[in-house]
N, C-alpha and C. Protein backbone atom coordinates (compact mmCIF):
# COMPACT_ATOMS: atom_id res chain seq x y z
N MET A 1 74.10 17.30 145.12
CA MET A 1 73.93 17.81 146.45
C MET A 1 72.44 17.72 146.80
N ARG A 2 72.16 17.23 147.98
CA ARG A 2 70.77 17.17 148.45
C ARG A 2 70.36 18.53 148.98
N ILE A 3 69.08 18.82 148.81
CA ILE A 3 68.54 20.09 149.32
C ILE A 3 67.27 19.78 150.09
N PRO A 4 66.83 20.72 150.93
CA PRO A 4 65.52 20.54 151.57
C PRO A 4 64.43 20.50 150.51
N PRO A 5 63.46 19.62 150.65
CA PRO A 5 62.39 19.51 149.66
C PRO A 5 61.61 20.79 149.41
N ALA A 6 61.58 21.71 150.36
CA ALA A 6 60.78 22.93 150.21
C ALA A 6 61.16 23.73 148.97
N GLU A 7 62.45 23.79 148.64
CA GLU A 7 62.88 24.53 147.45
C GLU A 7 62.28 23.91 146.19
N PHE A 8 62.29 22.60 146.11
CA PHE A 8 61.72 21.90 144.96
C PHE A 8 60.20 22.06 144.94
N LEU A 9 59.56 21.91 146.09
CA LEU A 9 58.11 21.99 146.16
C LEU A 9 57.59 23.39 145.83
N ALA A 10 58.44 24.41 145.94
CA ALA A 10 58.04 25.78 145.61
C ALA A 10 58.01 26.02 144.10
N LEU A 11 58.60 25.12 143.31
CA LEU A 11 58.59 25.27 141.85
C LEU A 11 57.20 24.99 141.30
N ASP A 12 56.85 25.68 140.24
CA ASP A 12 55.56 25.46 139.56
C ASP A 12 55.75 24.28 138.61
N LEU A 13 55.36 23.08 139.05
CA LEU A 13 55.58 21.87 138.27
C LEU A 13 54.31 21.04 138.13
N GLU A 14 54.16 20.42 136.99
CA GLU A 14 53.06 19.49 136.74
C GLU A 14 53.14 18.29 137.70
N ALA A 15 54.35 17.88 138.02
CA ALA A 15 54.55 16.70 138.89
C ALA A 15 53.88 16.86 140.24
N HIS A 16 53.84 18.08 140.76
CA HIS A 16 53.23 18.27 142.08
C HIS A 16 51.76 17.85 142.07
N ALA A 17 51.06 18.18 141.00
CA ALA A 17 49.65 17.79 140.91
C ALA A 17 49.51 16.30 140.65
N ARG A 18 50.33 15.78 139.75
CA ARG A 18 50.23 14.36 139.40
C ARG A 18 50.61 13.43 140.54
N LEU A 19 51.54 13.87 141.38
CA LEU A 19 52.05 13.00 142.45
C LEU A 19 51.52 13.40 143.82
N LYS A 20 50.44 14.15 143.84
CA LYS A 20 49.84 14.54 145.12
C LYS A 20 49.53 13.28 145.93
N GLY A 21 50.02 13.24 147.14
CA GLY A 21 49.79 12.09 148.00
C GLY A 21 50.89 11.04 147.94
N VAL A 22 51.80 11.15 146.97
CA VAL A 22 52.93 10.22 146.89
C VAL A 22 54.08 10.84 147.69
N PRO A 23 54.66 10.11 148.64
CA PRO A 23 55.72 10.68 149.46
C PRO A 23 56.97 11.06 148.65
N LEU A 24 57.44 12.29 148.87
CA LEU A 24 58.68 12.78 148.27
C LEU A 24 59.83 12.25 149.12
N ARG A 25 60.67 11.43 148.53
CA ARG A 25 61.76 10.77 149.27
C ARG A 25 62.96 11.69 149.46
N ASP A 26 63.43 12.30 148.38
CA ASP A 26 64.54 13.24 148.48
C ASP A 26 64.66 14.05 147.21
N VAL A 27 65.44 15.14 147.32
CA VAL A 27 65.69 16.02 146.18
C VAL A 27 67.17 16.33 146.14
N SER A 28 67.75 16.15 144.96
CA SER A 28 69.14 16.52 144.72
C SER A 28 69.17 17.60 143.66
N VAL A 29 70.22 18.41 143.65
CA VAL A 29 70.39 19.43 142.63
C VAL A 29 71.82 19.43 142.14
N VAL A 30 71.97 19.95 140.94
CA VAL A 30 73.30 20.25 140.42
C VAL A 30 73.16 21.57 139.67
N ASP A 31 74.10 22.47 139.92
CA ASP A 31 74.11 23.73 139.19
C ASP A 31 74.91 23.55 137.92
N LEU A 32 74.34 24.02 136.81
CA LEU A 32 74.92 23.84 135.49
C LEU A 32 75.30 25.21 134.96
N PRO A 33 76.59 25.45 134.72
CA PRO A 33 77.04 26.78 134.32
C PRO A 33 76.69 27.10 132.86
N ASP A 34 76.54 28.39 132.60
CA ASP A 34 76.35 28.91 131.25
C ASP A 34 75.23 28.17 130.53
N GLY A 35 75.45 27.77 129.31
CA GLY A 35 74.49 26.97 128.58
C GLY A 35 73.63 27.71 127.59
N GLY A 36 73.60 29.05 127.67
CA GLY A 36 72.75 29.79 126.74
C GLY A 36 71.31 29.88 127.22
N ASP A 37 70.50 30.57 126.44
CA ASP A 37 69.13 30.86 126.86
C ASP A 37 68.11 29.79 126.50
N ASP A 38 68.43 28.91 125.61
CA ASP A 38 67.42 28.01 125.07
C ASP A 38 67.58 26.56 125.50
N ARG A 39 68.15 26.32 126.66
CA ARG A 39 68.33 24.94 127.10
C ARG A 39 67.02 24.41 127.67
N THR A 40 66.76 23.13 127.44
CA THR A 40 65.52 22.52 127.92
C THR A 40 65.84 21.18 128.58
N ILE A 41 64.81 20.56 129.10
CA ILE A 41 64.97 19.26 129.73
C ILE A 41 65.40 18.21 128.71
N ALA A 42 65.12 18.42 127.44
CA ALA A 42 65.59 17.50 126.39
C ALA A 42 67.11 17.46 126.36
N ASP A 43 67.76 18.59 126.60
CA ASP A 43 69.22 18.62 126.68
C ASP A 43 69.69 17.76 127.86
N VAL A 44 69.00 17.87 128.98
CA VAL A 44 69.35 17.10 130.17
C VAL A 44 69.12 15.61 129.91
N ARG A 45 67.99 15.28 129.25
CA ARG A 45 67.70 13.87 128.96
C ARG A 45 68.81 13.24 128.12
N ARG A 46 69.29 13.96 127.12
CA ARG A 46 70.38 13.44 126.29
C ARG A 46 71.64 13.22 127.13
N LEU A 47 71.93 14.16 128.02
CA LEU A 47 73.10 14.01 128.90
C LEU A 47 72.91 12.87 129.88
N LEU A 48 71.68 12.66 130.34
CA LEU A 48 71.38 11.55 131.25
C LEU A 48 71.62 10.22 130.56
N GLU A 49 71.18 10.09 129.32
CA GLU A 49 71.42 8.85 128.56
C GLU A 49 72.92 8.61 128.40
N ALA A 50 73.66 9.66 128.09
CA ALA A 50 75.11 9.53 127.95
C ALA A 50 75.76 9.17 129.29
N ALA A 51 75.24 9.74 130.38
CA ALA A 51 75.77 9.45 131.71
C ALA A 51 75.59 7.97 132.05
N LYS A 52 74.44 7.41 131.69
CA LYS A 52 74.19 5.99 131.96
C LYS A 52 75.18 5.13 131.18
N ALA A 53 75.47 5.54 129.95
CA ALA A 53 76.36 4.75 129.09
C ALA A 53 77.80 4.74 129.60
N ARG A 54 78.20 5.83 130.26
CA ARG A 54 79.59 5.89 130.74
C ARG A 54 79.68 5.96 132.27
N ALA A 55 78.74 5.31 132.91
CA ALA A 55 78.71 5.30 134.38
C ALA A 55 79.99 4.67 134.94
N PRO A 56 80.44 5.17 136.08
CA PRO A 56 81.62 4.59 136.73
C PRO A 56 81.39 3.11 137.07
N VAL A 57 82.47 2.39 137.24
CA VAL A 57 82.40 0.97 137.56
C VAL A 57 81.57 0.73 138.82
N SER A 58 81.71 1.60 139.82
CA SER A 58 80.95 1.42 141.07
C SER A 58 79.45 1.46 140.81
N VAL A 59 79.01 2.37 139.96
CA VAL A 59 77.58 2.49 139.66
C VAL A 59 77.13 1.29 138.83
N ARG A 60 77.90 0.92 137.82
CA ARG A 60 77.53 -0.24 137.00
C ARG A 60 77.46 -1.50 137.85
N ALA A 61 78.39 -1.64 138.82
CA ALA A 61 78.39 -2.82 139.69
C ALA A 61 77.14 -2.84 140.58
N LEU A 62 76.77 -1.69 141.13
CA LEU A 62 75.57 -1.63 141.98
C LEU A 62 74.30 -1.91 141.18
N VAL A 63 74.21 -1.36 139.99
CA VAL A 63 73.04 -1.60 139.15
C VAL A 63 73.00 -3.08 138.75
N GLY A 64 74.16 -3.64 138.40
CA GLY A 64 74.22 -5.06 138.06
C GLY A 64 73.80 -5.95 139.21
N LEU A 65 74.26 -5.60 140.43
CA LEU A 65 73.88 -6.37 141.61
C LEU A 65 72.37 -6.29 141.84
N ARG A 66 71.81 -5.08 141.70
CA ARG A 66 70.35 -4.92 141.89
C ARG A 66 69.57 -5.73 140.85
N LEU A 67 70.02 -5.72 139.60
CA LEU A 67 69.34 -6.50 138.56
C LEU A 67 69.43 -8.00 138.85
N PHE A 68 70.60 -8.44 139.31
CA PHE A 68 70.78 -9.84 139.67
C PHE A 68 69.84 -10.24 140.80
N LEU A 69 69.80 -9.40 141.86
CA LEU A 69 68.92 -9.69 143.00
C LEU A 69 67.45 -9.64 142.59
N GLY A 70 67.12 -8.73 141.69
CA GLY A 70 65.75 -8.63 141.20
C GLY A 70 65.32 -9.89 140.48
N ARG A 71 66.22 -10.47 139.69
CA ARG A 71 65.90 -11.75 139.01
C ARG A 71 65.84 -12.89 140.02
N LEU A 72 66.83 -12.92 140.92
CA LEU A 72 66.91 -14.00 141.91
C LEU A 72 65.67 -14.05 142.79
N PHE A 73 65.25 -12.90 143.29
CA PHE A 73 64.10 -12.85 144.21
C PHE A 73 62.78 -12.54 143.51
N ARG A 74 62.82 -12.45 142.20
CA ARG A 74 61.62 -12.19 141.38
C ARG A 74 60.91 -10.90 141.77
N TRP A 75 61.74 -9.87 142.02
CA TRP A 75 61.19 -8.57 142.34
C TRP A 75 60.70 -7.85 141.09
N ASP A 76 61.31 -8.17 139.96
CA ASP A 76 61.05 -7.42 138.74
C ASP A 76 60.34 -8.27 137.71
N ARG A 77 59.35 -7.70 137.06
CA ARG A 77 58.80 -8.31 135.86
C ARG A 77 59.76 -7.92 134.76
N GLU A 78 60.13 -8.79 133.94
CA GLU A 78 61.07 -8.48 132.86
C GLU A 78 62.02 -7.38 133.32
N ARG A 79 62.72 -6.76 132.40
CA ARG A 79 63.60 -5.64 132.78
C ARG A 79 62.80 -4.36 132.68
N GLU A 80 62.52 -3.76 133.81
CA GLU A 80 61.71 -2.54 133.83
C GLU A 80 62.56 -1.35 134.22
N PRO A 81 63.10 -0.63 133.23
CA PRO A 81 63.78 0.62 133.59
C PRO A 81 62.74 1.69 133.88
N LEU A 82 63.20 2.89 134.13
CA LEU A 82 62.26 3.98 134.31
C LEU A 82 61.49 4.19 133.01
N ARG A 83 60.17 4.26 133.14
CA ARG A 83 59.28 4.45 131.99
C ARG A 83 58.87 5.91 131.94
N PRO A 84 59.13 6.60 130.82
CA PRO A 84 58.74 8.01 130.73
C PRO A 84 57.23 8.18 130.81
N LEU A 85 56.77 9.13 131.62
CA LEU A 85 55.35 9.46 131.70
C LEU A 85 55.04 10.72 130.90
N TYR A 86 55.93 11.73 131.01
CA TYR A 86 55.78 12.93 130.17
C TYR A 86 57.09 13.69 130.16
N GLU A 87 57.21 14.53 129.14
CA GLU A 87 58.33 15.46 129.04
C GLU A 87 57.79 16.78 128.55
N LEU A 88 58.00 17.81 129.35
CA LEU A 88 57.64 19.18 129.02
C LEU A 88 58.95 19.93 128.76
N PRO A 89 58.90 21.17 128.31
CA PRO A 89 60.16 21.86 128.02
C PRO A 89 61.15 21.92 129.19
N TYR A 90 60.65 22.03 130.42
CA TYR A 90 61.57 22.17 131.55
C TYR A 90 61.33 21.17 132.67
N GLU A 91 60.67 20.08 132.35
CA GLU A 91 60.31 19.08 133.37
C GLU A 91 60.05 17.74 132.70
N MET A 92 60.48 16.67 133.38
CA MET A 92 60.12 15.33 132.91
C MET A 92 59.85 14.44 134.11
N LEU A 93 58.96 13.46 133.89
CA LEU A 93 58.58 12.54 134.95
C LEU A 93 58.63 11.13 134.40
N SER A 94 59.27 10.24 135.16
CA SER A 94 59.37 8.82 134.80
C SER A 94 58.91 7.99 135.99
N GLU A 95 58.60 6.72 135.70
CA GLU A 95 58.05 5.83 136.71
C GLU A 95 58.69 4.45 136.62
N ALA A 96 58.87 3.82 137.76
CA ALA A 96 59.30 2.42 137.83
C ALA A 96 58.45 1.73 138.89
N ARG A 97 57.97 0.55 138.54
CA ARG A 97 57.17 -0.21 139.51
C ARG A 97 57.63 -1.65 139.46
N ASN A 98 57.88 -2.20 140.65
CA ASN A 98 58.25 -3.60 140.77
C ASN A 98 57.81 -4.09 142.15
N ALA A 99 58.30 -5.21 142.58
CA ALA A 99 57.86 -5.77 143.86
C ALA A 99 58.47 -5.05 145.06
N THR A 100 59.42 -4.14 144.82
CA THR A 100 60.06 -3.44 145.94
C THR A 100 59.51 -2.03 146.13
N VAL A 101 59.23 -1.32 145.02
CA VAL A 101 58.80 0.07 145.10
C VAL A 101 57.90 0.43 143.93
N HIS A 102 57.17 1.52 144.10
CA HIS A 102 56.54 2.23 143.00
C HIS A 102 57.17 3.61 143.09
N ALA A 103 58.13 3.88 142.19
CA ALA A 103 58.94 5.09 142.29
C ALA A 103 58.73 6.00 141.10
N PHE A 104 58.92 7.28 141.35
CA PHE A 104 58.82 8.30 140.32
C PHE A 104 60.07 9.17 140.38
N SER A 105 60.60 9.48 139.23
CA SER A 105 61.76 10.36 139.11
C SER A 105 61.33 11.61 138.36
N CYS A 106 61.48 12.76 139.00
CA CYS A 106 61.12 14.03 138.37
C CYS A 106 62.38 14.88 138.25
N MET A 107 62.66 15.32 137.03
CA MET A 107 63.75 16.27 136.80
C MET A 107 63.15 17.57 136.30
N ALA A 108 63.65 18.67 136.85
CA ALA A 108 63.18 19.99 136.46
C ALA A 108 64.39 20.90 136.26
N LEU A 109 64.35 21.69 135.21
CA LEU A 109 65.45 22.59 134.86
C LEU A 109 64.97 24.03 135.02
N ARG A 110 65.73 24.83 135.76
CA ARG A 110 65.37 26.23 135.97
C ARG A 110 66.57 27.13 135.68
N ARG A 111 66.30 28.23 134.96
CA ARG A 111 67.34 29.22 134.65
C ARG A 111 67.71 29.95 135.93
N ARG A 112 68.99 30.22 136.09
CA ARG A 112 69.53 30.97 137.23
C ARG A 112 70.58 31.93 136.71
N PRO A 113 70.96 32.92 137.48
CA PRO A 113 72.06 33.78 137.03
C PRO A 113 73.32 32.92 136.79
N GLY A 114 73.88 33.03 135.62
CA GLY A 114 75.10 32.30 135.32
C GLY A 114 74.89 30.88 134.83
N GLY A 115 73.64 30.46 134.65
CA GLY A 115 73.41 29.11 134.16
C GLY A 115 72.04 28.58 134.52
N TYR A 116 72.01 27.32 134.95
CA TYR A 116 70.76 26.63 135.26
C TYR A 116 70.94 25.81 136.53
N ARG A 117 69.83 25.42 137.12
CA ARG A 117 69.84 24.46 138.22
C ARG A 117 68.95 23.30 137.80
N LEU A 118 69.50 22.08 137.94
CA LEU A 118 68.74 20.88 137.66
C LEU A 118 68.32 20.26 138.98
N TYR A 119 67.02 20.07 139.14
CA TYR A 119 66.45 19.42 140.31
C TYR A 119 66.14 17.98 139.94
N TRP A 120 66.44 17.06 140.85
CA TRP A 120 66.11 15.65 140.64
C TRP A 120 65.42 15.15 141.91
N ALA A 121 64.13 14.91 141.80
CA ALA A 121 63.33 14.48 142.95
C ALA A 121 62.90 13.03 142.77
N ILE A 122 62.91 12.31 143.86
CA ILE A 122 62.47 10.92 143.88
C ILE A 122 61.29 10.79 144.83
N TYR A 123 60.22 10.24 144.30
CA TYR A 123 59.01 9.95 145.07
C TYR A 123 58.89 8.43 145.16
N VAL A 124 58.47 7.93 146.32
CA VAL A 124 58.35 6.48 146.48
C VAL A 124 57.08 6.13 147.24
N GLU A 125 56.28 5.26 146.63
CA GLU A 125 55.11 4.68 147.30
C GLU A 125 55.47 3.28 147.75
N ASN A 126 55.02 2.92 148.93
CA ASN A 126 55.21 1.54 149.40
C ASN A 126 54.33 0.61 148.57
N VAL A 127 54.90 -0.52 148.18
CA VAL A 127 54.11 -1.55 147.51
C VAL A 127 53.92 -2.77 148.40
N SER A 128 54.69 -2.80 149.50
CA SER A 128 54.57 -3.88 150.47
C SER A 128 55.22 -3.43 151.77
N ALA A 129 55.15 -4.29 152.77
CA ALA A 129 55.81 -3.99 154.04
C ALA A 129 57.34 -3.99 153.88
N PHE A 130 57.82 -4.57 152.79
CA PHE A 130 59.26 -4.66 152.51
C PHE A 130 59.84 -3.34 151.99
N THR A 131 59.00 -2.47 151.43
CA THR A 131 59.49 -1.24 150.80
C THR A 131 60.35 -0.38 151.74
N PRO A 132 59.90 -0.06 152.96
CA PRO A 132 60.74 0.78 153.82
C PRO A 132 62.11 0.16 154.12
N LEU A 133 62.15 -1.15 154.34
CA LEU A 133 63.42 -1.82 154.58
C LEU A 133 64.31 -1.75 153.34
N TYR A 134 63.75 -2.03 152.18
CA TYR A 134 64.49 -1.97 150.92
C TYR A 134 65.06 -0.56 150.72
N MET A 135 64.25 0.47 150.93
CA MET A 135 64.73 1.84 150.74
C MET A 135 65.83 2.18 151.74
N ALA A 136 65.72 1.71 152.96
CA ALA A 136 66.76 1.96 153.96
C ALA A 136 68.08 1.29 153.56
N VAL A 137 68.00 0.09 153.02
CA VAL A 137 69.22 -0.63 152.62
C VAL A 137 69.91 0.06 151.45
N ILE A 138 69.14 0.54 150.46
CA ILE A 138 69.78 1.14 149.29
C ILE A 138 70.12 2.62 149.47
N GLU A 139 69.62 3.25 150.54
CA GLU A 139 69.84 4.68 150.76
C GLU A 139 71.30 5.12 150.64
N PRO A 140 72.24 4.49 151.34
CA PRO A 140 73.62 4.99 151.23
C PRO A 140 74.19 4.85 149.81
N PHE A 141 73.77 3.84 149.09
CA PHE A 141 74.27 3.65 147.72
C PHE A 141 73.69 4.71 146.79
N ARG A 142 72.40 4.98 146.94
CA ARG A 142 71.76 6.02 146.13
C ARG A 142 72.37 7.39 146.45
N ARG A 143 72.47 7.66 147.73
CA ARG A 143 72.86 9.00 148.19
C ARG A 143 74.32 9.33 147.96
N PHE A 144 75.20 8.34 148.15
CA PHE A 144 76.63 8.63 148.12
C PHE A 144 77.37 8.10 146.90
N VAL A 145 76.73 7.23 146.11
CA VAL A 145 77.42 6.67 144.94
C VAL A 145 76.66 6.97 143.65
N VAL A 146 75.45 6.46 143.54
CA VAL A 146 74.73 6.50 142.26
C VAL A 146 74.34 7.92 141.87
N TYR A 147 73.58 8.63 142.70
CA TYR A 147 73.10 9.96 142.32
C TYR A 147 74.25 10.95 142.11
N PRO A 148 75.24 11.02 143.02
CA PRO A 148 76.35 11.95 142.76
C PRO A 148 77.09 11.65 141.45
N ALA A 149 77.26 10.38 141.12
CA ALA A 149 77.96 10.04 139.88
C ALA A 149 77.16 10.48 138.66
N ILE A 150 75.85 10.24 138.69
CA ILE A 150 75.00 10.63 137.55
C ILE A 150 74.96 12.15 137.41
N LEU A 151 74.77 12.86 138.51
CA LEU A 151 74.71 14.32 138.43
C LEU A 151 76.05 14.92 138.02
N ALA A 152 77.14 14.36 138.49
CA ALA A 152 78.47 14.84 138.07
C ALA A 152 78.68 14.61 136.58
N SER A 153 78.21 13.49 136.08
CA SER A 153 78.35 13.20 134.65
C SER A 153 77.50 14.16 133.82
N ILE A 154 76.29 14.45 134.29
CA ILE A 154 75.45 15.42 133.58
C ILE A 154 76.13 16.78 133.56
N ARG A 155 76.68 17.19 134.69
CA ARG A 155 77.36 18.50 134.75
C ARG A 155 78.56 18.53 133.82
N ALA A 156 79.34 17.46 133.81
CA ALA A 156 80.51 17.42 132.93
C ALA A 156 80.09 17.49 131.46
N GLY A 157 79.04 16.76 131.10
CA GLY A 157 78.55 16.81 129.73
C GLY A 157 78.00 18.18 129.37
N TRP A 158 77.30 18.81 130.29
CA TRP A 158 76.74 20.13 130.08
C TRP A 158 77.86 21.14 129.86
N THR A 159 78.86 21.09 130.73
CA THR A 159 79.98 22.02 130.64
C THR A 159 80.71 21.85 129.32
N SER A 160 80.93 20.60 128.93
CA SER A 160 81.60 20.30 127.68
C SER A 160 80.78 20.80 126.50
N ALA A 161 79.46 20.59 126.53
CA ALA A 161 78.58 21.01 125.44
C ALA A 161 78.43 22.52 125.39
N SER A 162 78.67 23.22 126.51
CA SER A 162 78.50 24.67 126.57
C SER A 162 79.72 25.41 126.04
N ARG A 163 80.86 24.73 125.93
CA ARG A 163 82.07 25.39 125.46
C ARG A 163 81.97 25.65 123.95
N PRO A 164 82.42 26.82 123.52
CA PRO A 164 82.41 27.08 122.08
C PRO A 164 83.37 26.12 121.37
N SER A 165 83.01 25.70 120.16
CA SER A 165 83.87 24.79 119.40
C SER A 165 85.05 25.53 118.83
């Protein structure tokens, strides 16, 4: 679910200082039930990796199409996935740079009554005059297919991992 950026910007995060001046594109959240007192962003990172491995066909097809177009139009140097910049106990920041965007992905985990809230913010710097057009074209796919599928998978994994054995 998308939220107004103000809620995310009110969090005390290292990313705010590091990305000062980089436009915040959007923020999504997912509420994660239960989980115990000692959950960290490392738990989310593991669930994120698992989510990528079992992504729905629609997401895999969109990522495959983007990789194909990136090779065809030479947008990408080699295969550049998100590169981790740092990981703190409750926050992580990754970066991707190619001929279309210079993007940053920030995830932050916060304890709430009854569980946690995971924030996922995307920052994007223009790298050319093509960046705004590119972002406009991929917006519906990011907003309605890719991000909801990834966040739903993280929530399902979290819920499954939170159940007593």
